[in-house]
Protein backbone atom coordinates (compact mmCIF):
# COMPACT_ATOMS: atom_id res chain seq x y z
CA MET A 1 77.04 79.21 -170.93
CA LYS A 2 77.63 76.31 -168.43
CA LEU A 3 77.60 78.82 -165.68
CA TYR A 4 74.17 80.09 -166.71
CA THR A 5 72.79 76.67 -167.13
CA LYS A 6 73.87 75.59 -163.66
CA LEU A 7 72.43 78.87 -162.28
CA PHE A 8 69.15 78.22 -163.79
CA GLN A 9 69.06 74.60 -162.64
CA GLN A 10 69.93 75.68 -159.03
CA THR A 11 67.39 78.45 -159.03
CA THR A 12 64.68 76.06 -160.12
CA ILE A 13 65.63 73.65 -157.49
CA TYR A 14 65.80 76.17 -154.66
CA GLY A 15 62.58 77.64 -155.99
CA LEU A 16 60.81 74.31 -155.66
CA ALA A 17 62.32 73.80 -152.22
CA THR A 18 60.96 77.21 -151.13
CA VAL A 19 57.52 76.92 -152.75
CA ILE A 20 56.63 73.41 -151.75
CA PRO A 21 57.01 74.04 -147.98
CA ARG A 22 54.69 77.01 -148.35
CA MET A 23 52.30 74.62 -150.20
CA LEU A 24 51.99 72.41 -146.98
CA SER A 25 49.82 74.86 -144.97
CA PHE A 26 47.70 75.36 -148.16
CA ILE A 27 47.43 71.74 -148.84
CA LEU A 28 46.31 71.07 -145.09
CA VAL A 29 43.54 73.68 -145.35
CA PRO A 30 40.98 71.18 -146.72
CA LEU A 31 41.78 68.83 -144.06
CA TYR A 32 41.57 71.18 -141.13
CA THR A 33 38.41 72.68 -142.31
CA THR A 34 36.50 69.50 -142.92
CA GLU A 35 33.59 68.91 -140.68
CA GLY A 36 34.54 66.78 -137.73
CA VAL A 37 38.48 66.82 -138.08
CA LEU A 38 38.85 69.64 -135.70
CA ASN A 39 36.06 70.40 -133.09
CA SER A 40 35.24 73.88 -134.22
CA VAL A 41 36.22 77.02 -136.33
CA ALA A 42 37.83 78.26 -133.03
CA ASP A 43 40.25 75.19 -132.92
CA TYR A 44 41.59 76.16 -136.41
CA GLY A 45 41.94 79.80 -135.08
CA THR A 46 44.10 78.44 -132.31
CA VAL A 47 46.28 76.61 -134.58
CA SER A 48 46.55 79.69 -136.87
CA LEU A 49 47.47 81.85 -134.02
CA ILE A 50 50.16 79.51 -132.88
CA PHE A 51 51.65 79.22 -136.29
CA SER A 52 51.71 83.12 -136.43
CA TRP A 53 54.03 83.07 -133.33
CA PHE A 54 56.06 80.40 -135.10
CA VAL A 55 57.01 83.01 -137.82
CA LEU A 56 57.99 85.64 -135.33
CA PHE A 57 60.08 83.20 -133.14
CA ASN A 58 61.75 81.70 -136.20
CA VAL A 59 63.14 85.03 -137.18
CA MET A 60 64.33 85.70 -133.72
CA LEU A 61 66.04 82.40 -133.12
CA SER A 62 67.79 82.45 -136.40
CA TYR A 63 68.65 86.32 -136.00
CA GLY A 64 69.92 86.80 -139.41
CA MET A 65 72.73 84.31 -139.15
CA GLU A 66 71.82 82.43 -142.32
CA THR A 67 72.52 85.44 -144.52
CA ALA A 68 75.69 86.48 -142.27
CA PHE A 69 76.91 82.91 -142.94
CA PHE A 70 76.75 83.24 -146.69
CA ARG A 71 78.44 86.71 -146.62
CA PHE A 72 81.36 85.51 -144.39
CA PHE A 73 81.60 81.99 -145.91
CA TYR A 74 82.78 83.50 -149.14
CA LYS A 75 84.59 86.50 -147.62
CA GLU A 76 86.68 84.92 -145.01
CA LYS A 77 89.84 82.92 -145.84
CA GLU A 78 89.01 80.17 -143.32
CA PRO A 79 85.36 79.07 -144.12
CA LYS A 80 85.76 76.30 -141.56
CA LYS A 81 85.90 78.94 -138.92
CA VAL A 82 82.89 80.59 -140.21
CA GLU A 83 80.92 77.16 -140.09
CA GLY A 84 82.07 76.54 -136.44
CA THR A 85 81.52 79.99 -135.16
CA ALA A 86 77.80 80.18 -136.68
CA ALA A 87 77.06 76.69 -135.61
CA ILE A 88 78.19 77.12 -131.91
CA ALA A 89 76.34 80.48 -131.76
CA LEU A 90 72.98 78.97 -133.00
CA LEU A 91 73.42 75.96 -130.70
CA VAL A 92 74.17 78.09 -127.81
CA THR A 93 71.27 80.45 -128.22
CA THR A 94 68.89 77.54 -129.14
CA LEU A 95 69.82 75.66 -126.04
CA THR A 96 69.29 78.96 -123.99
CA PHE A 97 65.88 79.32 -125.49
CA LEU A 98 65.01 75.64 -124.61
CA LEU A 99 66.01 76.20 -121.03
CA VAL A 100 64.09 79.46 -120.77
CA SER A 101 61.02 77.88 -122.30
CA TYR A 102 61.22 74.79 -120.08
CA PHE A 103 61.58 76.72 -116.71
CA GLY A 104 59.37 79.60 -117.86
CA ALA A 105 56.64 77.67 -119.55
CA PRO A 106 53.78 78.64 -117.36
CA GLN A 107 54.53 82.41 -117.67
CA LEU A 108 55.43 82.34 -121.28
CA SER A 109 52.38 80.36 -122.35
CA GLU A 110 50.24 82.68 -120.42
CA VAL A 111 51.90 85.75 -122.20
CA LEU A 112 51.52 84.26 -125.55
CA ASP A 113 48.00 83.07 -124.87
CA ILE A 114 48.80 79.58 -125.76
CA LYS A 115 48.04 76.49 -123.65
CA GLN A 116 50.99 75.15 -121.78
CA SER A 117 50.64 71.74 -123.47
CA HIS A 118 50.77 73.37 -126.79
CA PHE A 119 53.56 75.60 -125.87
CA SER A 120 55.83 72.81 -124.74
CA LEU A 121 55.53 71.19 -128.28
CA VAL A 122 56.03 74.53 -130.15
CA ALA A 123 59.14 75.32 -128.15
CA LYS A 124 60.72 71.90 -129.20
CA ILE A 125 59.77 72.60 -132.85
CA LEU A 126 61.27 75.97 -132.76
CA ALA A 127 64.52 74.63 -131.28
CA LEU A 128 64.75 71.96 -133.98
CA ASP A 129 64.06 74.50 -136.73
CA ALA A 130 66.81 76.77 -135.35
CA MET A 131 69.28 73.93 -135.29
CA VAL A 132 69.09 73.26 -138.97
CA VAL A 133 69.44 76.82 -140.08
CA ILE A 134 73.21 76.71 -140.61
CA PRO A 135 73.27 73.13 -141.91
CA PHE A 136 70.74 74.22 -144.62
CA ALA A 137 72.94 77.49 -145.49
CA TRP A 138 76.06 75.12 -145.54
CA LEU A 139 74.33 72.84 -148.17
CA ARG A 140 73.55 75.85 -150.34
CA ALA A 141 77.18 77.22 -149.85
CA LYS A 142 78.48 74.02 -151.02
CA GLY A 143 76.14 73.89 -154.07
CA LYS A 144 74.27 70.85 -152.99
CA ALA A 145 70.92 72.09 -154.23
CA LYS A 146 69.25 68.47 -154.83
CA LYS A 147 70.20 67.43 -151.35
CA TYR A 148 68.75 70.73 -149.98
CA ALA A 149 65.60 70.35 -151.89
CA LEU A 150 65.21 66.65 -151.09
CA ILE A 151 65.48 67.25 -147.35
CA LYS A 152 62.96 70.17 -147.50
CA ILE A 153 60.36 68.22 -149.57
CA THR A 154 60.97 65.14 -147.32
CA ASN A 155 60.08 67.45 -144.28
CA VAL A 156 56.93 68.42 -146.15
CA ALA A 157 55.78 64.98 -147.05
CA VAL A 158 56.26 63.51 -143.55
CA ALA A 159 54.37 66.41 -142.06
CA LEU A 160 51.74 66.00 -144.34
CA ALA A 161 51.40 62.13 -144.03
CA LEU A 162 51.39 62.39 -140.20
CA ASN A 163 48.68 65.26 -140.25
CA VAL A 164 46.47 62.83 -142.29
CA PHE A 165 47.26 59.83 -139.93
CA PHE A 166 46.68 61.45 -136.77
CA LEU A 167 43.56 63.35 -137.82
CA LEU A 168 41.87 61.01 -140.09
CA ASP A 169 43.34 57.42 -139.98
CA LEU A 170 43.86 57.21 -136.13
CA LYS A 171 40.11 57.83 -135.68
CA THR A 172 39.19 54.69 -137.63
CA TRP A 173 41.27 52.24 -135.37
CA THR A 174 39.41 49.80 -133.06
CA ARG A 175 38.37 51.72 -129.89
CA THR A 176 39.74 49.21 -127.56
CA GLY A 177 43.13 48.19 -125.95
CA ALA A 178 45.96 49.96 -124.12
CA TRP A 179 47.48 51.26 -127.35
CA TYR A 180 44.35 53.12 -128.31
CA ASP A 181 44.09 54.57 -124.79
CA PHE A 182 47.70 55.82 -125.21
CA ALA A 183 47.56 57.05 -128.64
CA ILE A 184 44.01 58.50 -129.01
CA ARG A 185 42.94 61.08 -126.68
CA GLN A 186 39.75 63.30 -126.67
CA GLN A 187 40.14 66.91 -127.65
CA TYR A 188 43.74 66.27 -128.64
CA GLU A 189 43.60 67.23 -132.24
CA ILE A 190 45.66 70.45 -132.02
CA ASN A 191 48.36 68.53 -130.23
CA TYR A 192 48.29 65.93 -132.90
CA ILE A 193 49.09 68.76 -135.54
CA PHE A 194 52.13 69.87 -133.54
CA ILE A 195 53.44 66.32 -132.76
CA ALA A 196 53.34 65.75 -136.62
CA ASN A 197 55.40 68.92 -137.18
CA LEU A 198 57.72 67.76 -134.29
CA ILE A 199 58.52 64.58 -135.82
CA ALA A 200 59.01 66.04 -139.18
CA SER A 201 61.50 68.67 -137.77
CA GLY A 202 63.26 65.96 -135.76
CA LEU A 203 63.64 63.86 -138.88
CA THR A 204 65.02 66.93 -140.79
CA LEU A 205 67.81 67.36 -138.13
CA VAL A 206 68.71 63.76 -138.32
CA LEU A 207 69.20 64.11 -142.10
CA LEU A 208 71.45 67.15 -141.49
CA VAL A 209 73.55 65.44 -138.85
CA PRO A 210 76.55 65.00 -141.46
CA PHE A 211 77.06 68.82 -141.19
CA TYR A 212 77.55 68.66 -137.46
CA ARG A 213 79.88 65.56 -137.79
CA GLN A 214 82.13 67.44 -140.38
CA CYS A 215 81.87 70.74 -138.50
CA SER A 216 85.30 71.73 -137.00
CA TYR A 217 83.74 73.68 -134.25
CA ARG A 218 86.38 76.56 -134.41
CA PHE A 219 84.96 79.47 -132.53
CA ASP A 220 86.19 83.16 -133.09
CA TRP A 221 84.63 85.97 -130.84
CA LYS A 222 85.81 88.70 -133.39
CA LEU A 223 84.23 86.94 -136.12
CA LEU A 224 80.94 86.38 -134.31
CA ARG A 225 80.81 90.04 -133.46
CA ALA A 226 81.39 90.92 -137.08
CA MET A 227 78.64 88.48 -138.20
CA LEU A 228 76.16 89.90 -135.57
CA ARG A 229 76.98 93.58 -136.80
CA TYR A 230 76.06 92.31 -140.23
CA ALA A 231 72.94 90.26 -139.07
CA TRP A 232 71.22 92.76 -136.98
CA PRO A 233 69.71 94.68 -139.79
CA ILE A 234 68.51 91.43 -141.35
CA LEU A 235 66.90 90.57 -138.09
CA VAL A 236 64.97 93.78 -137.77
CA ALA A 237 63.79 93.52 -141.39
CA GLY A 238 62.80 89.88 -140.78
CA LEU A 239 60.92 90.96 -137.65
CA ALA A 240 59.10 93.75 -139.64
CA PHE A 241 58.21 91.10 -142.30
CA ALA A 242 56.79 88.67 -139.68
CA ILE A 243 54.68 91.54 -138.32
CA ASN A 244 53.34 92.26 -141.76
CA GLU A 245 52.75 88.65 -142.54
CA THR A 246 51.14 87.29 -139.38
CA PHE A 247 50.74 89.74 -136.59
CA ASP A 248 47.16 90.46 -137.55
CA ARG A 249 46.25 87.02 -136.07
CA ILE A 250 48.00 87.89 -132.85
CA LEU A 251 46.15 91.22 -132.72
CA LEU A 252 42.83 89.66 -133.48
CA ASP A 253 43.33 87.47 -130.57
CA ARG A 254 44.37 90.41 -128.22
CA LEU A 255 41.89 93.15 -129.55
CA LEU A 256 38.64 91.05 -129.93
CA PRO A 257 36.43 89.63 -127.01
CA SER A 258 37.89 86.19 -126.17
CA ALA A 259 34.51 84.63 -127.05
CA VAL A 260 34.80 85.49 -130.64
CA ALA A 261 38.55 86.02 -131.22
CA ASP A 262 39.56 82.35 -132.04
CA ALA A 263 36.53 81.76 -134.45
CA GLN A 264 37.43 85.11 -136.19
CA ILE A 265 41.13 84.17 -136.51
CA GLY A 266 40.03 80.65 -137.86
CA MET A 267 37.75 82.10 -140.55
CA TYR A 268 40.15 84.85 -141.51
CA SER A 269 43.22 82.36 -141.78
CA ALA A 270 41.26 79.80 -143.77
CA CYS A 271 39.99 82.17 -146.30
CA TYR A 272 43.29 83.92 -146.37
CA LYS A 273 44.69 80.69 -147.80
CA ILE A 274 42.77 81.08 -150.94
CA THR A 275 45.14 83.92 -151.91
CA ILE A 276 48.07 81.66 -151.88
CA PHE A 277 47.99 81.50 -155.69
CA MET A 278 49.18 85.11 -155.75
CA THR A 279 51.93 84.46 -153.18
CA LEU A 280 53.15 81.33 -154.96
CA PHE A 281 53.39 83.23 -158.25
CA SER A 282 55.23 86.04 -156.66
CA THR A 283 57.62 83.72 -154.93
CA ALA A 284 58.32 81.89 -157.97
CA PHE A 285 58.78 84.84 -160.32
CA ARG A 286 61.16 86.47 -157.67
CA LEU A 287 63.32 83.35 -157.33
CA GLY A 288 63.57 82.85 -161.03
CA ILE A 289 64.16 86.42 -162.11
CA GLU A 290 66.35 87.80 -159.06
CA PRO A 291 69.59 86.20 -160.47
CA PHE A 292 68.93 87.94 -163.88
CA TYR A 293 68.81 91.29 -162.08
CA PHE A 294 72.38 90.78 -160.86
CA GLN A 295 73.76 89.16 -164.03
CA GLN A 296 72.48 92.26 -165.94
CA ALA A 297 73.49 94.83 -163.42
CA ASN A 298 77.03 95.55 -165.04
CA GLN A 299 75.55 95.45 -168.57
CA GLN A 300 74.82 98.54 -170.78
CA ASN A 301 71.51 99.99 -169.89
CA PRO A 302 69.96 97.15 -167.78
CA GLN A 303 67.16 99.54 -166.72
CA ARG A 304 65.13 98.91 -169.89
CA GLN A 305 65.06 95.20 -169.13
CA TYR A 306 64.17 95.71 -165.43
CA ALA A 307 61.29 97.88 -166.69
CA ARG A 308 59.89 95.32 -168.93
CA ILE A 309 60.11 92.62 -166.24
CA LEU A 310 57.98 94.60 -163.96
CA GLU A 311 55.36 94.92 -166.82
CA VAL A 312 55.50 91.08 -167.32
CA PHE A 313 54.85 90.65 -163.59
CA VAL A 314 52.08 93.17 -163.57
CA ILE A 315 50.39 91.62 -166.58
CA ILE A 316 50.36 88.10 -165.29
CA GLY A 317 49.87 89.04 -161.60
CA SER A 318 46.59 91.22 -162.43
CA LEU A 319 45.36 88.36 -164.49
CA ILE A 320 45.81 85.94 -161.60
CA PHE A 321 44.21 88.36 -159.32
CA LEU A 322 41.10 88.73 -161.34
CA MET A 323 40.85 85.04 -162.08
CA VAL A 324 40.85 84.08 -158.43
CA VAL A 325 38.47 86.77 -157.53
CA VAL A 326 36.05 85.70 -160.38
CA PHE A 327 36.15 81.96 -159.38
CA ALA A 328 36.66 82.53 -155.75
CA ASP A 329 33.36 80.85 -154.78
CA LEU A 330 34.20 77.71 -156.76
CA ILE A 331 37.67 77.58 -155.23
CA LYS A 332 36.44 77.95 -151.77
CA VAL A 333 34.37 74.66 -151.88
CA VAL A 334 37.64 72.78 -152.77
CA ILE A 335 40.09 74.48 -150.31
CA VAL A 336 37.74 75.54 -147.29
CA ARG A 337 35.48 72.58 -146.88
CA SER A 338 33.02 73.83 -144.33
CA ASP A 339 30.79 76.60 -144.77
CA SER A 340 31.46 77.71 -141.11
CA PHE A 341 34.63 79.38 -142.39
CA TRP A 342 32.96 81.44 -145.31
CA GLU A 343 31.99 84.25 -143.62
CA ALA A 344 35.47 85.72 -144.15
CA MET A 345 35.30 85.42 -147.86
CA TRP A 346 34.98 89.11 -147.81
CA ILE A 347 38.86 89.31 -147.43
CA VAL A 348 39.90 87.39 -150.44
CA PRO A 349 40.08 90.37 -153.06
CA ILE A 350 41.69 92.69 -150.47
CA ILE A 351 44.39 90.13 -149.49
CA LEU A 352 44.97 89.08 -153.10
CA LEU A 353 45.50 92.87 -154.15
CA ALA A 354 47.75 93.20 -151.02
CA ASN A 355 49.96 90.26 -151.95
CA PHE A 356 49.88 91.61 -155.70
CA PHE A 357 51.39 94.87 -154.26
CA LEU A 358 54.01 92.96 -152.25
CA GLY A 359 55.09 91.13 -155.53
CA ILE A 360 55.28 94.67 -157.15
CA TYR A 361 57.30 95.92 -154.28
CA HIS A 362 59.70 92.79 -154.66
CA ASN A 363 60.23 93.66 -158.34
CA LEU A 364 60.85 97.27 -157.60
CA SER A 365 63.52 96.48 -154.96
CA VAL A 366 65.99 95.80 -157.75
CA TRP A 367 67.10 99.38 -157.49
CA TYR A 368 68.39 99.12 -154.02
CA LYS A 369 69.65 95.52 -154.37
CA VAL A 370 71.98 96.23 -157.39
CA THR A 371 73.18 99.50 -155.86
CA ASP A 372 73.89 97.96 -152.50
CA ARG A 373 71.51 100.22 -150.66
CA THR A 374 69.66 97.43 -148.82
CA ASN A 375 69.17 99.75 -145.80
CA TYR A 376 66.29 101.12 -147.79
CA GLY A 377 64.78 97.71 -147.88
CA LEU A 378 64.89 97.68 -143.97
CA VAL A 379 63.27 101.20 -143.93
CA PHE A 380 60.45 100.28 -146.07
CA SER A 381 59.78 97.05 -144.05
CA VAL A 382 59.65 98.94 -140.78
CA ILE A 383 57.32 101.60 -142.29
CA GLY A 384 55.05 98.66 -143.30
CA ALA A 385 55.14 97.00 -139.99
CA VAL A 386 54.26 100.37 -138.37
CA VAL A 387 51.23 100.74 -140.74
CA THR A 388 50.15 97.13 -140.16
CA LEU A 389 50.16 97.63 -136.35
CA GLY A 390 48.45 101.09 -136.63
CA VAL A 391 45.66 100.17 -138.92
CA ASN A 392 45.00 96.86 -137.17
CA PHE A 393 44.78 98.56 -133.66
CA TRP A 394 42.48 101.14 -135.27
CA LEU A 395 40.07 98.83 -137.24
CA ILE A 396 40.03 95.49 -135.55
CA PRO A 397 37.80 96.77 -132.55
CA MET A 398 35.39 98.17 -135.12
CA ILE A 399 35.28 95.53 -138.03
CA GLY A 400 37.28 92.65 -136.87
CA PHE A 401 39.13 90.61 -139.39
CA LYS A 402 38.04 92.97 -142.22
CA GLY A 403 40.33 95.60 -140.47
CA SER A 404 43.20 93.16 -140.61
CA ALA A 405 42.77 92.70 -144.39
CA ILE A 406 42.72 96.44 -145.02
CA ALA A 407 45.84 96.90 -142.82
CA THR A 408 47.73 94.37 -145.01
CA LEU A 409 46.73 96.17 -148.24
CA SER A 410 47.56 99.50 -146.66
CA ALA A 411 51.07 98.27 -145.60
CA TYR A 412 52.12 96.42 -148.88
CA GLY A 413 50.59 99.22 -150.96
CA LEU A 414 52.47 101.85 -149.15
CA MET A 415 55.81 99.93 -149.38
CA ALA A 416 55.37 99.61 -153.12
CA ILE A 417 54.62 103.21 -153.65
CA LEU A 418 57.47 104.41 -151.53
CA SER A 419 59.96 102.08 -153.29
CA ALA A 420 58.84 103.34 -156.62
CA ILE A 421 59.09 107.11 -155.57
CA VAL A 422 62.63 106.79 -153.83
CA GLY A 423 63.92 104.30 -156.44
CA GLN A 424 63.21 106.81 -159.37
CA ARG A 425 65.36 109.32 -157.56
CA LYS A 426 68.13 107.10 -156.67
CA TYR A 427 68.34 104.73 -159.63
CA PRO A 428 65.99 105.78 -162.47
CA ILE A 429 64.35 103.04 -164.34
CA PRO A 430 61.95 103.76 -167.40
CA TYR A 431 58.95 101.93 -166.08
CA ASN A 432 55.80 102.56 -168.19
CA TRP A 433 53.73 103.64 -165.30
CA SER A 434 50.64 104.63 -167.43
CA LYS A 435 50.41 101.04 -168.71
CA ILE A 436 51.14 99.48 -165.34
CA THR A 437 48.66 101.74 -163.53
CA ARG A 438 46.00 100.95 -166.22
CA TYR A 439 46.36 97.13 -165.67
CA ILE A 440 46.21 97.53 -161.86
CA ILE A 441 43.23 99.79 -161.93
CA PHE A 442 41.30 97.69 -164.46
CA SER A 443 41.87 94.32 -162.82
CA SER A 444 41.01 95.91 -159.25
CA VAL A 445 37.88 97.62 -160.55
CA ALA A 446 36.65 94.48 -162.43
CA ALA A 447 37.49 92.32 -159.34
CA PHE A 448 35.75 94.53 -156.99
CA LEU A 449 32.70 94.99 -159.08
CA SER A 450 32.50 91.15 -159.62
CA PHE A 451 32.98 90.27 -156.00
CA TYR A 452 31.29 92.90 -153.90
CA TYR A 453 28.48 93.93 -156.30
CA PHE A 454 27.72 91.03 -158.76
CA ARG A 455 28.76 88.11 -156.60
CA GLY A 456 26.61 85.10 -157.66
CA VAL A 457 26.25 86.47 -161.14
CA GLN A 458 29.06 84.47 -162.77
CA LEU A 459 28.36 85.81 -166.31
CA VAL A 460 29.35 89.32 -165.08
CA GLY A 461 32.71 88.19 -163.68
CA ILE A 462 33.49 85.94 -166.68
CA SER A 463 32.78 88.72 -168.93
CA LEU A 464 34.97 91.18 -167.15
CA LEU A 465 37.73 88.60 -167.12
CA LEU A 466 37.49 88.05 -170.93
CA LEU A 467 37.41 91.82 -171.51
CA PHE A 468 40.62 92.18 -169.52
CA ILE A 469 42.22 89.24 -171.48
CA LEU A 470 41.25 91.11 -174.72
CA LEU A 471 42.93 94.39 -173.32
CA ILE A 472 46.07 92.54 -172.52
CA ILE A 473 46.31 90.99 -176.13
CA TRP A 474 45.40 94.28 -177.73
CA THR A 475 48.03 96.21 -175.70
CA GLU A 476 50.82 93.55 -175.68
CA LEU A 477 50.55 92.09 -179.19
CA GLU A 478 54.00 93.12 -180.34
CA HIS A 479 55.48 91.74 -177.16
CA ILE A 480 53.79 88.41 -176.74
CA LYS A 481 56.78 86.40 -177.80
CA GLN A 482 59.09 88.55 -175.47
CA ILE A 483 56.86 87.81 -172.55
CA LYS A 484 56.74 84.05 -173.33
CA SER A 485 60.57 84.01 -173.56
CA ILE A 486 61.10 85.78 -170.34
CA ILE A 487 58.81 83.32 -168.48
CA LEU A 488 60.48 80.31 -170.03
CA GLY A 489 63.95 81.93 -169.51
CA ASN A 490 65.23 81.02 -172.91
CA SER A 491 65.77 84.40 -174.45
CA SER A 492 68.99 86.10 -174.83
CA THR A 493 69.64 89.65 -174.05
CA ASP A 494 70.69 90.37 -177.63
CA ASN A 495 67.52 88.97 -179.09
CA TYR A 496 65.51 91.05 -176.54
CA GLN A 497 67.40 94.26 -177.42
CA LYS A 498 67.00 93.49 -181.18
CA ASN A 499 63.33 92.99 -180.98
CA LYS A 500 62.96 96.08 -178.98
């Protein structure tokens, strides 16, 4: 019992430490989209484009070594050698990246379509982030969940505070004196955003210096080769995920005329943030329920519980999807402060549904995780990336950011469908597909009717939402207690089976 209690506590802590950093970009949207903070919608587009490159480069600079570290830390007889080998490998590749980015800054900034002054800051942030990958993994391996979470949250708090300071408070200072001339520069807002992130990343590395002090720096070429063989599929899957998540902004920049590209990216990225409610729910649900999957894998007939868990996810997810769509025009005023960005509100139902399908895909992935067939996850991710690229290349020149939204939905929808089809052949789980499909179709039709045909007639949207809630209550009446227990995590398997 103590083991499960500790597992639940650590899952909760790691969940918070994962969700809160994601909240930073969401919390900052009202700041970035307030009139007068940034110079234009295009400026926010520039920031969003650069952060898209961040995701891609973070994957490349860590190249799957975090997961490989966990695998070999517990597998090898000498964990100190694993620490040293992984740390040295990351330090060498990070320093190499810094040298290349320093001497090749003009060429790289031109290829990435980023101003050289921005690229210089970005390269330093990426390097600092890469240098904390193994220290963070080490904290998790040592079971230091609270310290891990505290450092993650400190990073978010510092970045948030500095963004507010640089973009708001600094402008209120007396506009005279040498300090003012040094600190405050015209058209420097984008640089301030990355300076804030640079300071936060630097502080994070300082807080993780104890790892580098205790590290034995024992290096083993044979071990490194084994770790790299293990890590490369993770790198490929990570790149595929990064393409699915962020490459639409990069393609908008490349496929649209330069005169409109940054503005479209800015509007698209700002309205995209409204869909974060689905992303946070999916992430929190996955972090909380994933340990349960593995705990039950060796129990008798775990498939019945896996099936019910997906139903719970679909019920809650479809409700969140419809609620956000119905009240999207109220939410946008709070999150996206300037009406200059609202042209892209069209994407909100599409991206919400896409992220809903991504959450369903993560729940369906239980079959290849508990059977050690994770290569299927790699295949599905690559297929999703190919669809993302193909549909973006096809639709962006015709309909701009709307094409990117459709591409995201196409990729995640296809990934979920493929996982469901292949999973039922390799590891049959008795999902109630008729019920699941009914919830998805009803919420989708209600959302699209409310948003695209009766937008502005709030009574229609609220009526559809209430009707959907009544459908859930009528269908799930006998399972309400089980759903509540699964969410709170305080039901036992025996009670569940008994009630079933």
